[in-house]
C-alpha atoms as a PDB file:
ATOM      1  CA  UNK A   1     -17.299  47.372 -11.503  1.00  0.00           C
ATOM      2  CA  UNK A   2     -14.491  45.310 -10.001  1.00  0.00           C
ATOM      3  CA  UNK A   3     -15.652  42.135  -8.305  1.00  0.00           C
ATOM      4  CA  UNK A   4     -14.087  40.912  -5.074  1.00  0.00           C
ATOM      5  CA  UNK A   5     -12.377  37.544  -5.655  1.00  0.00           C
ATOM      6  CA  UNK A   6     -14.143  34.577  -4.132  1.00  0.00           C
ATOM      7  CA  UNK A   7     -12.341  33.428  -0.931  1.00  0.00           C
ATOM      8  CA  UNK A   8     -11.684  30.008  -2.467  1.00  0.00           C
ATOM      9  CA  UNK A   9     -10.139  31.453  -5.630  1.00  0.00           C
ATOM     10  CA  UNK A  10      -6.707  31.813  -4.018  1.00  0.00           C
ATOM     11  CA  UNK A  11      -6.370  28.047  -3.624  1.00  0.00           C
ATOM     12  CA  UNK A  12      -7.088  27.523  -7.312  1.00  0.00           C
ATOM     13  CA  UNK A  13      -4.565  30.243  -8.146  1.00  0.00           C
ATOM     14  CA  UNK A  14      -1.848  28.501  -6.129  1.00  0.00           C
ATOM     15  CA  UNK A  15      -2.387  25.282  -8.089  1.00  0.00           C
ATOM     16  CA  UNK A  16      -2.896  26.831 -11.529  1.00  0.00           C
ATOM     17  CA  UNK A  17      -0.232  29.493 -12.036  1.00  0.00           C
ATOM     18  CA  UNK A  18       1.672  27.523 -14.669  1.00  0.00           C
ATOM     19  CA  UNK A  19       4.610  25.118 -14.572  1.00  0.00           C
ATOM     20  CA  UNK A  20       7.048  27.656 -13.114  1.00  0.00           C
ATOM     21  CA  UNK A  21       4.877  29.215 -10.406  1.00  0.00           C
ATOM     22  CA  UNK A  22       2.472  26.425  -9.420  1.00  0.00           C
ATOM     23  CA  UNK A  23       3.146  24.834  -6.062  1.00  0.00           C
ATOM     24  CA  UNK A  24       1.470  22.402  -3.715  1.00  0.00           C
ATOM     25  CA  UNK A  25      -0.686  23.633  -0.862  1.00  0.00           C
ATOM     26  CA  UNK A  26       0.753  23.621   2.632  1.00  0.00           C
ATOM     27  CA  UNK A  27      -0.906  21.439   5.257  1.00  0.00           C
ATOM     28  CA  UNK A  28      -2.665  24.509   6.672  1.00  0.00           C
ATOM     29  CA  UNK A  29      -3.830  25.722   3.254  1.00  0.00           C
ATOM     30  CA  UNK A  30      -5.110  22.273   2.356  1.00  0.00           C
ATOM     31  CA  UNK A  31      -7.009  22.018   5.628  1.00  0.00           C
ATOM     32  CA  UNK A  32      -8.636  25.405   5.071  1.00  0.00           C
ATOM     33  CA  UNK A  33      -9.519  24.595   1.467  1.00  0.00           C
ATOM     34  CA  UNK A  34     -11.109  21.245   2.333  1.00  0.00           C
ATOM     35  CA  UNK A  35     -12.981  22.813   5.265  1.00  0.00           C
ATOM     36  CA  UNK A  36     -14.572  25.259   2.834  1.00  0.00           C
ATOM     37  CA  UNK A  37     -15.453  22.431   0.442  1.00  0.00           C
ATOM     38  CA  UNK A  38     -17.036  20.320   3.173  1.00  0.00           C
ATOM     39  CA  UNK A  39     -19.032  23.328   4.385  1.00  0.00           C
ATOM     40  CA  UNK A  40     -20.363  23.961   0.876  1.00  0.00           C
ATOM     41  CA  UNK A  41     -18.619  27.320   0.609  1.00  0.00           C
ATOM     42  CA  UNK A  42     -17.288  26.808  -2.924  1.00  0.00           C
ATOM     43  CA  UNK A  43     -18.886  27.104  -6.342  1.00  0.00           C
ATOM     44  CA  UNK A  44     -19.252  24.026  -8.571  1.00  0.00           C
ATOM     45  CA  UNK A  45     -16.864  25.526 -11.129  1.00  0.00           C
ATOM     46  CA  UNK A  46     -14.271  26.059  -8.422  1.00  0.00           C
ATOM     47  CA  UNK A  47     -14.564  22.528  -7.080  1.00  0.00           C
ATOM     48  CA  UNK A  48     -14.095  20.934 -10.502  1.00  0.00           C
ATOM     49  CA  UNK A  49     -11.108  23.127 -11.290  1.00  0.00           C
ATOM     50  CA  UNK A  50      -9.550  22.484  -7.883  1.00  0.00           C
ATOM     51  CA  UNK A  51      -9.843  18.706  -8.080  1.00  0.00           C
ATOM     52  CA  UNK A  52      -8.491  18.476 -11.615  1.00  0.00           C
ATOM     53  CA  UNK A  53      -5.568  20.825 -10.957  1.00  0.00           C
ATOM     54  CA  UNK A  54      -4.632  18.580  -8.060  1.00  0.00           C
ATOM     55  CA  UNK A  55      -5.011  15.550 -10.319  1.00  0.00           C
ATOM     56  CA  UNK A  56      -2.731  17.051 -12.961  1.00  0.00           C
ATOM     57  CA  UNK A  57       0.159  17.655 -10.578  1.00  0.00           C
ATOM     58  CA  UNK A  58      -0.701  14.715  -8.239  1.00  0.00           C
ATOM     59  CA  UNK A  59      -1.620  15.356  -4.648  1.00  0.00           C
ATOM     60  CA  UNK A  60       1.210  15.875  -2.160  1.00  0.00           C
ATOM     61  CA  UNK A  61       1.502  14.343   1.324  1.00  0.00           C
ATOM     62  CA  UNK A  62       0.966  17.809   2.794  1.00  0.00           C
ATOM     63  CA  UNK A  63      -2.267  18.250   0.860  1.00  0.00           C
ATOM     64  CA  UNK A  64      -3.615  14.828   1.844  1.00  0.00           C
ATOM     65  CA  UNK A  65      -2.696  15.441   5.502  1.00  0.00           C
ATOM     66  CA  UNK A  66      -4.430  18.825   5.486  1.00  0.00           C
ATOM     67  CA  UNK A  67      -7.512  17.424   3.756  1.00  0.00           C
ATOM     68  CA  UNK A  68      -7.675  14.546   6.254  1.00  0.00           C
ATOM     69  CA  UNK A  69      -7.448  16.955   9.192  1.00  0.00           C
ATOM     70  CA  UNK A  70     -10.404  18.894   7.821  1.00  0.00           C
ATOM     71  CA  UNK A  71     -12.487  15.755   7.312  1.00  0.00           C
ATOM     72  CA  UNK A  72     -11.701  14.397  10.766  1.00  0.00           C
ATOM     73  CA  UNK A  73     -12.982  17.611  12.340  1.00  0.00           C
ATOM     74  CA  UNK A  74     -16.412  16.952  10.817  1.00  0.00           C
ATOM     75  CA  UNK A  75     -16.681  13.410  12.244  1.00  0.00           C
ATOM     76  CA  UNK A  76     -17.841  12.316  15.713  1.00  0.00           C
ATOM     77  CA  UNK A  77     -15.069  12.091  18.306  1.00  0.00           C
ATOM     78  CA  UNK A  78     -13.786   8.497  18.204  1.00  0.00           C
ATOM     79  CA  UNK A  79     -14.148   6.281  21.250  1.00  0.00           C
ATOM     80  CA  UNK A  80     -10.649   5.310  22.429  1.00  0.00           C
ATOM     81  CA  UNK A  81      -9.834   1.634  22.087  1.00  0.00           C
ATOM     82  CA  UNK A  82     -12.942   0.702  20.092  1.00  0.00           C
ATOM     83  CA  UNK A  83     -11.002  -0.176  16.905  1.00  0.00           C
ATOM     84  CA  UNK A  84      -7.607  -1.831  16.489  1.00  0.00           C
ATOM     85  CA  UNK A  85      -7.255  -1.578  12.700  1.00  0.00           C
ATOM     86  CA  UNK A  86      -8.724   0.894  10.210  1.00  0.00           C
ATOM     87  CA  UNK A  87      -9.195  -1.002   6.930  1.00  0.00           C
ATOM     88  CA  UNK A  88      -9.999   1.180   3.919  1.00  0.00           C
ATOM     89  CA  UNK A  89     -11.435  -0.511   0.824  1.00  0.00           C
ATOM     90  CA  UNK A  90     -12.037   1.824  -2.102  1.00  0.00           C
ATOM     91  CA  UNK A  91     -10.533   0.173  -5.189  1.00  0.00           C
ATOM     92  CA  UNK A  92     -12.899  -2.722  -5.823  1.00  0.00           C
ATOM     93  CA  UNK A  93     -11.803  -6.047  -7.327  1.00  0.00           C
ATOM     94  CA  UNK A  94     -12.048  -7.198 -10.937  1.00  0.00           C
ATOM     95  CA  UNK A  95      -9.367  -9.909 -11.324  1.00  0.00           C
ATOM     96  CA  UNK A  96      -9.604 -11.789  -8.030  1.00  0.00           C
ATOM     97  CA  UNK A  97     -12.198 -12.145  -5.300  1.00  0.00           C
ATOM     98  CA  UNK A  98     -11.703  -9.933  -2.224  1.00  0.00           C
ATOM     99  CA  UNK A  99      -9.734 -12.488  -0.214  1.00  0.00           C
ATOM    100  CA  UNK A 100      -8.645  -9.675   2.088  1.00  0.00           C
ATOM    101  CA  UNK A 101     -12.108  -9.893   3.694  1.00  0.00           C
ATOM    102  CA  UNK A 102     -11.232 -13.313   5.064  1.00  0.00           C
ATOM    103  CA  UNK A 103      -7.969 -11.933   6.447  1.00  0.00           C
ATOM    104  CA  UNK A 104      -9.886  -9.150   8.201  1.00  0.00           C
ATOM    105  CA  UNK A 105     -12.472 -11.572   9.616  1.00  0.00           C
ATOM    106  CA  UNK A 106      -9.719 -13.886  10.821  1.00  0.00           C
ATOM    107  CA  UNK A 107      -8.155 -10.924  12.618  1.00  0.00           C
ATOM    108  CA  UNK A 108     -11.530 -10.112  14.158  1.00  0.00           C
ATOM    109  CA  UNK A 109     -11.966 -13.678  15.408  1.00  0.00           C
ATOM    110  CA  UNK A 110      -8.547 -13.369  17.052  1.00  0.00           C
ATOM    111  CA  UNK A 111      -9.931 -10.491  19.137  1.00  0.00           C
ATOM    112  CA  UNK A 112      -8.778  -7.437  17.167  1.00  0.00           C
ATOM    113  CA  UNK A 113     -11.642  -5.047  16.224  1.00  0.00           C
ATOM    114  CA  UNK A 114     -11.608  -3.916  12.596  1.00  0.00           C
ATOM    115  CA  UNK A 115     -13.440  -0.958  11.113  1.00  0.00           C
ATOM    116  CA  UNK A 116     -13.748  -1.136   7.332  1.00  0.00           C
ATOM    117  CA  UNK A 117     -14.947   1.625   5.018  1.00  0.00           C
ATOM    118  CA  UNK A 118     -15.347   2.012   1.258  1.00  0.00           C
ATOM    119  CA  UNK A 119     -17.525   3.319  -1.544  1.00  0.00           C
ATOM    120  CA  UNK A 120     -19.444   1.024  -3.871  1.00  0.00           C
ATOM    121  CA  UNK A 121     -19.917   1.372  -7.575  1.00  0.00           C
ATOM    122  CA  UNK A 122     -17.750   4.316  -8.578  1.00  0.00           C
ATOM    123  CA  UNK A 123     -16.050   2.290 -11.378  1.00  0.00           C
ATOM    124  CA  UNK A 124     -18.090  -0.132 -13.534  1.00  0.00           C
ATOM    125  CA  UNK A 125     -17.027  -3.758 -13.754  1.00  0.00           C
ATOM    126  CA  UNK A 126     -15.645  -4.055 -10.219  1.00  0.00           C
ATOM    127  CA  UNK A 127     -16.806  -5.983  -7.187  1.00  0.00           C
ATOM    128  CA  UNK A 128     -17.059  -3.729  -4.151  1.00  0.00           C
ATOM    129  CA  UNK A 129     -16.792  -4.549  -0.482  1.00  0.00           C
ATOM    130  CA  UNK A 130     -20.230  -3.340   0.592  1.00  0.00           C
ATOM    131  CA  UNK A 131     -22.028  -5.529  -1.915  1.00  0.00           C
ATOM    132  CA  UNK A 132     -19.850  -8.543  -1.028  1.00  0.00           C
ATOM    133  CA  UNK A 133     -20.540  -8.159   2.687  1.00  0.00           C
ATOM    134  CA  UNK A 134     -24.261  -7.956   1.960  1.00  0.00           C
ATOM    135  CA  UNK A 135     -24.031 -11.101  -0.168  1.00  0.00           C
ATOM    136  CA  UNK A 136     -22.286 -12.863   2.719  1.00  0.00           C
ATOM    137  CA  UNK A 137     -25.082 -11.857   5.087  1.00  0.00           C
ATOM    138  CA  UNK A 138     -22.962  -9.397   7.052  1.00  0.00           C
ATOM    139  CA  UNK A 139     -24.456  -6.043   8.054  1.00  0.00           C
ATOM    140  CA  UNK A 140     -23.467  -2.651   6.691  1.00  0.00           C
ATOM    141  CA  UNK A 141     -23.718   0.121   9.272  1.00  0.00           C
ATOM    142  CA  UNK A 142     -25.852   3.097   8.283  1.00  0.00           C
ATOM    143  CA  UNK A 143     -24.339   5.585  10.728  1.00  0.00           C
ATOM    144  CA  UNK A 144     -21.686   5.976  13.416  1.00  0.00           C
ATOM    145  CA  UNK A 145     -23.841   4.800  16.366  1.00  0.00           C
ATOM    146  CA  UNK A 146     -24.775   1.554  14.583  1.00  0.00           C
ATOM    147  CA  UNK A 147     -21.138   1.018  13.591  1.00  0.00           C
ATOM    148  CA  UNK A 148     -20.058   1.497  17.207  1.00  0.00           C
ATOM    149  CA  UNK A 149     -22.679  -1.022  18.364  1.00  0.00           C
ATOM    150  CA  UNK A 150     -21.486  -3.562  15.805  1.00  0.00           C
ATOM    151  CA  UNK A 151     -17.892  -3.087  16.909  1.00  0.00           C
ATOM    152  CA  UNK A 152     -18.828  -3.695  20.542  1.00  0.00           C
ATOM    153  CA  UNK A 153     -20.952  -6.736  19.692  1.00  0.00           C
ATOM    154  CA  UNK A 154     -18.873  -8.484  17.031  1.00  0.00           C
ATOM    155  CA  UNK A 155     -15.631  -6.458  16.726  1.00  0.00           C
ATOM    156  CA  UNK A 156     -16.354  -5.644  13.060  1.00  0.00           C
ATOM    157  CA  UNK A 157     -18.199  -2.879  11.239  1.00  0.00           C
ATOM    158  CA  UNK A 158     -18.355  -1.559   7.696  1.00  0.00           C
ATOM    159  CA  UNK A 159     -19.624   1.839   6.589  1.00  0.00           C
ATOM    160  CA  UNK A 160     -20.006   3.281   3.137  1.00  0.00           C
ATOM    161  CA  UNK A 161     -18.367   6.659   2.572  1.00  0.00           C
ATOM    162  CA  UNK A 162     -21.814   8.130   1.902  1.00  0.00           C
ATOM    163  CA  UNK A 163     -22.669   7.469   5.565  1.00  0.00           C
ATOM    164  CA  UNK A 164     -19.321   8.741   6.856  1.00  0.00           C
ATOM    165  CA  UNK A 165     -19.059  11.951   4.850  1.00  0.00           C
ATOM    166  CA  UNK A 166     -21.711  12.730   2.213  1.00  0.00           C
ATOM    167  CA  UNK A 167     -19.591  15.553   0.692  1.00  0.00           C
ATOM    168  CA  UNK A 168     -16.645  13.185   0.178  1.00  0.00           C
ATOM    169  CA  UNK A 169     -18.929  10.553  -1.314  1.00  0.00           C
ATOM    170  CA  UNK A 170     -20.371  13.124  -3.701  1.00  0.00           C
ATOM    171  CA  UNK A 171     -16.879  14.070  -4.866  1.00  0.00           C
ATOM    172  CA  UNK A 172     -15.867  10.419  -5.186  1.00  0.00           C
ATOM    173  CA  UNK A 173     -18.799  10.061  -7.545  1.00  0.00           C
ATOM    174  CA  UNK A 174     -17.376  12.692  -9.900  1.00  0.00           C
ATOM    175  CA  UNK A 175     -15.188  10.157 -11.720  1.00  0.00           C
ATOM    176  CA  UNK A 176     -17.737   9.407 -14.492  1.00  0.00           C
ATOM    177  CA  UNK A 177     -18.274  13.171 -14.904  1.00  0.00           C
ATOM    178  CA  UNK A 178     -14.635  14.276 -14.925  1.00  0.00           C
ATOM    179  CA  UNK A 179     -13.291  11.121 -16.563  1.00  0.00           C
ATOM    180  CA  UNK A 180     -10.483  10.776 -14.007  1.00  0.00           C
ATOM    181  CA  UNK A 181     -10.018   9.789 -10.409  1.00  0.00           C
ATOM    182  CA  UNK A 182      -9.507  12.721  -8.085  1.00  0.00           C
ATOM    183  CA  UNK A 183      -7.467  13.162  -4.869  1.00  0.00           C
ATOM    184  CA  UNK A 184     -10.581  12.075  -2.956  1.00  0.00           C
ATOM    185  CA  UNK A 185      -9.613   8.474  -3.770  1.00  0.00           C
ATOM    186  CA  UNK A 186      -6.354   9.012  -1.871  1.00  0.00           C
ATOM    187  CA  UNK A 187      -7.920  11.093   0.890  1.00  0.00           C
ATOM    188  CA  UNK A 188     -10.720   8.642   1.725  1.00  0.00           C
ATOM    189  CA  UNK A 189      -8.173   5.975   2.620  1.00  0.00           C
ATOM    190  CA  UNK A 190      -6.569   8.270   5.199  1.00  0.00           C
ATOM    191  CA  UNK A 191      -9.544   9.548   7.201  1.00  0.00           C
ATOM    192  CA  UNK A 192      -9.415   6.800   9.898  1.00  0.00           C
ATOM    193  CA  UNK A 193     -12.872   7.678  11.302  1.00  0.00           C
ATOM    194  CA  UNK A 194     -12.549   5.742  14.577  1.00  0.00           C
ATOM    195  CA  UNK A 195      -8.958   6.750  15.283  1.00  0.00           C
ATOM    196  CA  UNK A 196      -7.534   3.232  15.007  1.00  0.00           C
ATOM    197  CA  UNK A 197      -3.871   2.913  16.074  1.00  0.00           C
ATOM    198  CA  UNK A 198      -2.972   0.827  13.006  1.00  0.00           C
ATOM    199  CA  UNK A 199      -3.579   2.093   9.476  1.00  0.00           C
ATOM    200  CA  UNK A 200      -2.774  -0.350   6.615  1.00  0.00           C
ATOM    201  CA  UNK A 201      -3.050   0.998   3.077  1.00  0.00           C
ATOM    202  CA  UNK A 202      -3.300  -0.690  -0.302  1.00  0.00           C
ATOM    203  CA  UNK A 203      -2.540   1.185  -3.527  1.00  0.00           C
ATOM    204  CA  UNK A 204      -2.466   0.292  -7.201  1.00  0.00           C
ATOM    205  CA  UNK A 205       0.123   2.834  -8.373  1.00  0.00           C
ATOM    206  CA  UNK A 206       3.424   2.425  -6.470  1.00  0.00           C
ATOM    207  CA  UNK A 207       4.226   6.157  -6.640  1.00  0.00           C
ATOM    208  CA  UNK A 208       1.366   6.760  -4.188  1.00  0.00           C
ATOM    209  CA  UNK A 209       3.124   4.724  -1.500  1.00  0.00           C
ATOM    210  CA  UNK A 210       5.292   7.694  -0.519  1.00  0.00           C
ATOM    211  CA  UNK A 211       2.247   9.963  -0.524  1.00  0.00           C
ATOM    212  CA  UNK A 212       0.405   7.754   1.958  1.00  0.00           C
ATOM    213  CA  UNK A 213       3.389   7.094   4.197  1.00  0.00           C
ATOM    214  CA  UNK A 214       4.465  10.741   4.389  1.00  0.00           C
ATOM    215  CA  UNK A 215       0.892  11.943   4.917  1.00  0.00           C
ATOM    216  CA  UNK A 216       0.628   9.462   7.789  1.00  0.00           C
ATOM    217  CA  UNK A 217       3.757  10.934   9.345  1.00  0.00           C
ATOM    218  CA  UNK A 218       2.310  14.439   9.085  1.00  0.00           C
ATOM    219  CA  UNK A 219      -0.938  13.233  10.662  1.00  0.00           C
ATOM    220  CA  UNK A 220       0.907  11.663  13.574  1.00  0.00           C
ATOM    221  CA  UNK A 221      -0.080   8.096  12.664  1.00  0.00           C
ATOM    222  CA  UNK A 222       2.375   5.973  14.632  1.00  0.00           C
ATOM    223  CA  UNK A 223       1.831   2.600  12.999  1.00  0.00           C
ATOM    224  CA  UNK A 224       0.927   2.151   9.333  1.00  0.00           C
ATOM    225  CA  UNK A 225       1.974   0.159   6.306  1.00  0.00           C
ATOM    226  CA  UNK A 226       1.362   0.753   2.599  1.00  0.00           C
ATOM    227  CA  UNK A 227       2.011  -1.564  -0.331  1.00  0.00           C
ATOM    228  CA  UNK A 228       0.845  -2.277  -3.844  1.00  0.00           C
ATOM    229  CA  UNK A 229      -2.081  -4.575  -3.207  1.00  0.00           C
ATOM    230  CA  UNK A 230      -4.012  -6.801  -5.591  1.00  0.00           C
ATOM    231  CA  UNK A 231      -6.312  -4.493  -7.539  1.00  0.00           C
ATOM    232  CA  UNK A 232      -5.314  -1.625  -5.254  1.00  0.00           C
ATOM    233  CA  UNK A 233      -6.860  -3.185  -2.149  1.00  0.00           C
ATOM    234  CA  UNK A 234      -5.143  -4.180   1.106  1.00  0.00           C
ATOM    235  CA  UNK A 235      -4.428  -7.677  -0.188  1.00  0.00           C
ATOM    236  CA  UNK A 236      -1.068  -9.373  -0.637  1.00  0.00           C
ATOM    237  CA  UNK A 237      -0.162 -10.762  -4.056  1.00  0.00           C
ATOM    238  CA  UNK A 238       1.424 -13.976  -2.749  1.00  0.00           C
ATOM    239  CA  UNK A 239       3.370 -14.925  -5.860  1.00  0.00           C
ATOM    240  CA  UNK A 240       5.385 -11.708  -5.960  1.00  0.00           C
ATOM    241  CA  UNK A 241       7.801  -9.874  -3.675  1.00  0.00           C
ATOM    242  CA  UNK A 242       6.078  -7.073  -1.805  1.00  0.00           C
ATOM    243  CA  UNK A 243       7.785  -3.751  -1.259  1.00  0.00           C
ATOM    244  CA  UNK A 244       6.330  -1.892   1.688  1.00  0.00           C
ATOM    245  CA  UNK A 245       6.703   1.532   3.232  1.00  0.00           C
ATOM    246  CA  UNK A 246       5.431   2.322   6.666  1.00  0.00           C
ATOM    247  CA  UNK A 247       5.648   3.954  10.050  1.00  0.00           C
ATOM    248  CA  UNK A 248       6.497   2.004  13.190  1.00  0.00           C
ATOM    249  CA  UNK A 249       6.362   3.814  16.520  1.00  0.00           C
ATOM    250  CA  UNK A 250       6.396   7.095  14.613  1.00  0.00           C
ATOM    251  CA  UNK A 251       9.538   6.254  12.608  1.00  0.00           C
ATOM    252  CA  UNK A 252       9.535   5.669   8.840  1.00  0.00           C
ATOM    253  CA  UNK A 253      10.707   2.284   7.574  1.00  0.00           C
ATOM    254  CA  UNK A 254      10.635   0.075   4.493  1.00  0.00           C
ATOM    255  CA  UNK A 255      10.596  -3.699   4.126  1.00  0.00           C
ATOM    256  CA  UNK A 256      10.664  -6.173   1.263  1.00  0.00           C
ATOM    257  CA  UNK A 257       8.552  -9.270   1.816  1.00  0.00           C
ATOM    258  CA  UNK A 258       9.560 -12.355  -0.224  1.00  0.00           C
ATOM    259  CA  UNK A 259       6.999 -14.349  -2.260  1.00  0.00           C
ATOM    260  CA  UNK A 260       5.120 -16.992  -0.284  1.00  0.00           C
ATOM    261  CA  UNK A 261       4.179 -19.246  -3.202  1.00  0.00           C
ATOM    262  CA  UNK A 262       6.026 -20.300  -6.337  1.00  0.00           C
ATOM    263  CA  UNK A 263       3.399 -19.386  -8.929  1.00  0.00           C
ATOM    264  CA  UNK A 264       4.358 -15.804  -9.914  1.00  0.00           C
ATOM    265  CA  UNK A 265       1.184 -15.004 -11.814  1.00  0.00           C
ATOM    266  CA  UNK A 266      -2.414 -15.849 -11.013  1.00  0.00           C
ATOM    267  CA  UNK A 267      -4.855 -15.942 -13.913  1.00  0.00           C
ATOM    268  CA  UNK A 268      -7.914 -13.687 -13.594  1.00  0.00           C
ATOM    269  CA  UNK A 269     -10.984 -15.211 -11.988  1.00  0.00           C
ATOM    270  CA  UNK A 270     -13.522 -15.472 -14.789  1.00  0.00           C
ATOM    271  CA  UNK A 271     -16.570 -16.005 -12.566  1.00  0.00           C
ATOM    272  CA  UNK A 272     -15.902 -13.856  -9.457  1.00  0.00           C
ATOM    273  CA  UNK A 273     -18.388 -16.056  -7.592  1.00  0.00           C
ATOM    274  CA  UNK A 274     -18.713 -14.597  -4.085  1.00  0.00           C
ATOM    275  CA  UNK A 275     -19.872 -17.954  -2.702  1.00  0.00           C
ATOM    276  CA  UNK A 276     -16.310 -19.224  -3.120  1.00  0.00           C
ATOM    277  CA  UNK A 277     -15.286 -16.938  -0.263  1.00  0.00           C
ATOM    278  CA  UNK A 278     -17.567 -18.920   2.033  1.00  0.00           C
ATOM    279  CA  UNK A 279     -16.364 -22.218   0.587  1.00  0.00           C
ATOM    280  CA  UNK A 280     -12.730 -21.406   1.360  1.00  0.00           C
ATOM    281  CA  UNK A 281     -13.580 -20.000   4.808  1.00  0.00           C
ATOM    282  CA  UNK A 282     -15.557 -23.122   5.733  1.00  0.00           C
ATOM    283  CA  UNK A 283     -12.863 -25.447   4.421  1.00  0.00           C
ATOM    284  CA  UNK A 284     -15.221 -26.867   1.822  1.00  0.00           C
ATOM    285  CA  UNK A 285     -13.005 -25.691  -1.039  1.00  0.00           C
ATOM    286  CA  UNK A 286      -9.218 -25.710  -1.269  1.00  0.00           C
ATOM    287  CA  UNK A 287      -7.572 -22.822  -3.108  1.00  0.00           C
ATOM    288  CA  UNK A 288      -3.821 -22.435  -2.613  1.00  0.00           C
ATOM    289  CA  UNK A 289      -3.746 -18.925  -4.059  1.00  0.00           C
ATOM    290  CA  UNK A 290      -6.661 -17.729  -1.920  1.00  0.00           C
ATOM    291  CA  UNK A 291      -5.210 -19.125   1.290  1.00  0.00           C
ATOM    292  CA  UNK A 292      -1.800 -17.618   0.530  1.00  0.00           C
ATOM    293  CA  UNK A 293      -3.421 -14.249  -0.189  1.00  0.00           C
ATOM    294  CA  UNK A 294      -5.328 -14.441   3.109  1.00  0.00           C
ATOM    295  CA  UNK A 295      -2.409 -15.475   5.293  1.00  0.00           C
ATOM    296  CA  UNK A 296       0.026 -13.173   3.488  1.00  0.00           C
ATOM    297  CA  UNK A 297      -2.270 -10.208   4.033  1.00  0.00           C
ATOM    298  CA  UNK A 298      -2.903 -11.190   7.637  1.00  0.00           C
ATOM    299  CA  UNK A 299       0.854 -11.481   8.262  1.00  0.00           C
ATOM    300  CA  UNK A 300       1.449  -7.936   7.056  1.00  0.00           C
ATOM    301  CA  UNK A 301      -1.277  -6.577   9.332  1.00  0.00           C
ATOM    302  CA  UNK A 302       0.067  -8.499  12.333  1.00  0.00           C
ATOM    303  CA  UNK A 303       3.516  -7.068  11.627  1.00  0.00           C
ATOM    304  CA  UNK A 304       2.047  -3.551  11.393  1.00  0.00           C
ATOM    305  CA  UNK A 305       0.312  -4.163  14.730  1.00  0.00           C
ATOM    306  CA  UNK A 306       3.703  -5.143  16.230  1.00  0.00           C
ATOM    307  CA  UNK A 307       2.396  -8.596  17.116  1.00  0.00           C
ATOM    308  CA  UNK A 308       5.281 -10.253  15.283  1.00  0.00           C
ATOM    309  CA  UNK A 309       9.017  -9.819  15.687  1.00  0.00           C
ATOM    310  CA  UNK A 310       9.796 -10.199  11.991  1.00  0.00           C
ATOM    311  CA  UNK A 311       8.236 -11.195   8.669  1.00  0.00           C
ATOM    312  CA  UNK A 312       8.765 -14.932   9.185  1.00  0.00           C
ATOM    313  CA  UNK A 313       7.169 -14.828  12.628  1.00  0.00           C
ATOM    314  CA  UNK A 314       4.260 -12.823  11.198  1.00  0.00           C
ATOM    315  CA  UNK A 315       3.620 -15.436   8.493  1.00  0.00           C
ATOM    316  CA  UNK A 316       3.747 -18.278  11.034  1.00  0.00           C
ATOM    317  CA  UNK A 317       1.276 -16.477  13.291  1.00  0.00           C
ATOM    318  CA  UNK A 318      -1.004 -15.725  10.342  1.00  0.00           C
ATOM    319  CA  UNK A 319      -1.109 -19.358   9.265  1.00  0.00           C
ATOM    320  CA  UNK A 320      -1.810 -20.397  12.860  1.00  0.00           C
ATOM    321  CA  UNK A 321      -4.736 -17.962  13.092  1.00  0.00           C
ATOM    322  CA  UNK A 322      -6.076 -19.170   9.761  1.00  0.00           C
ATOM    323  CA  UNK A 323      -5.964 -22.824  10.798  1.00  0.00           C
ATOM    324  CA  UNK A 324      -7.557 -22.003  14.138  1.00  0.00           C
ATOM    325  CA  UNK A 325     -10.457 -19.932  12.800  1.00  0.00           C
ATOM    326  CA  UNK A 326     -14.024 -20.877  13.625  1.00  0.00           C
ATOM    327  CA  UNK A 327     -15.009 -22.005  10.127  1.00  0.00           C
ATOM    328  CA  UNK A 328     -18.646 -22.324  11.143  1.00  0.00           C
ATOM    329  CA  UNK A 329     -19.207 -18.603  11.481  1.00  0.00           C
ATOM    330  CA  UNK A 330     -17.836 -15.358  10.072  1.00  0.00           C
ATOM    331  CA  UNK A 331     -18.318 -13.112  13.098  1.00  0.00           C
ATOM    332  CA  UNK A 332     -18.810 -13.480  16.805  1.00  0.00           C
ATOM    333  CA  UNK A 333     -22.385 -14.076  17.877  1.00  0.00           C
END
């Protein structure tokens, strides 16, 4: 007896027809496929095959845009104006402490609400944002209402992907099973749960810069920036030039930021002692690399927010914000 093909099988067929017939999914196909996945309407065998076929060819901007559209439809409607910057944090750090957290908190103190999201523990040997925030005594929101309350009270909130989208978190956790990262690592960075108007992105592999920028264009993101960040996070490597791609007022652009310190290479941090973040924030410890990473990252975000006329102005503003921070507290009371 002939069996009727499973409705999801056609998406696998598109991706797996061989080197001459395989093609990427369109935005609409990707949205439909991810909607089925999120609804639980696919078999485990299909999901594994789908993710690895995408991994083999590398996900396209159209696929990421379609996937993001599907995810956004499952999330609560964002409250306009609640968040200024969506800050994704999925890579984890293993060579340097997450200095980008101090850049984000400095931005928050300057009056710009930041929503941060990530997923802890998917790769052994890395320090993840959720655990660092907990170590610093900062809360992690368990759901959207508590995140919204935190944003109104202190202009900062962090949520783990497992609280934002359990199906995405489950797929993110497949890495130890499949042995490879999947497109979910790219997708999670693009979901922008609170609809922030500014969407910075950090990547480890430079070839993903085009993927993020072009997906942002397809999603109608008007202001975003993507660059190769330290460890794959949204963190400037201050001793090196920084090539960036982005969207400003809906128009694609690229910029090359010059180094902001002479030392081209920073040795790995052997201790990764989270308490040093507090020491630098409070001014109790001086670390030229850390402060350059903080202000360099902050400058790029300010430029993406259109608060600076050029790169030099952005760096000056960033250093001013850093010097003027309230070193006695991390967040508003």
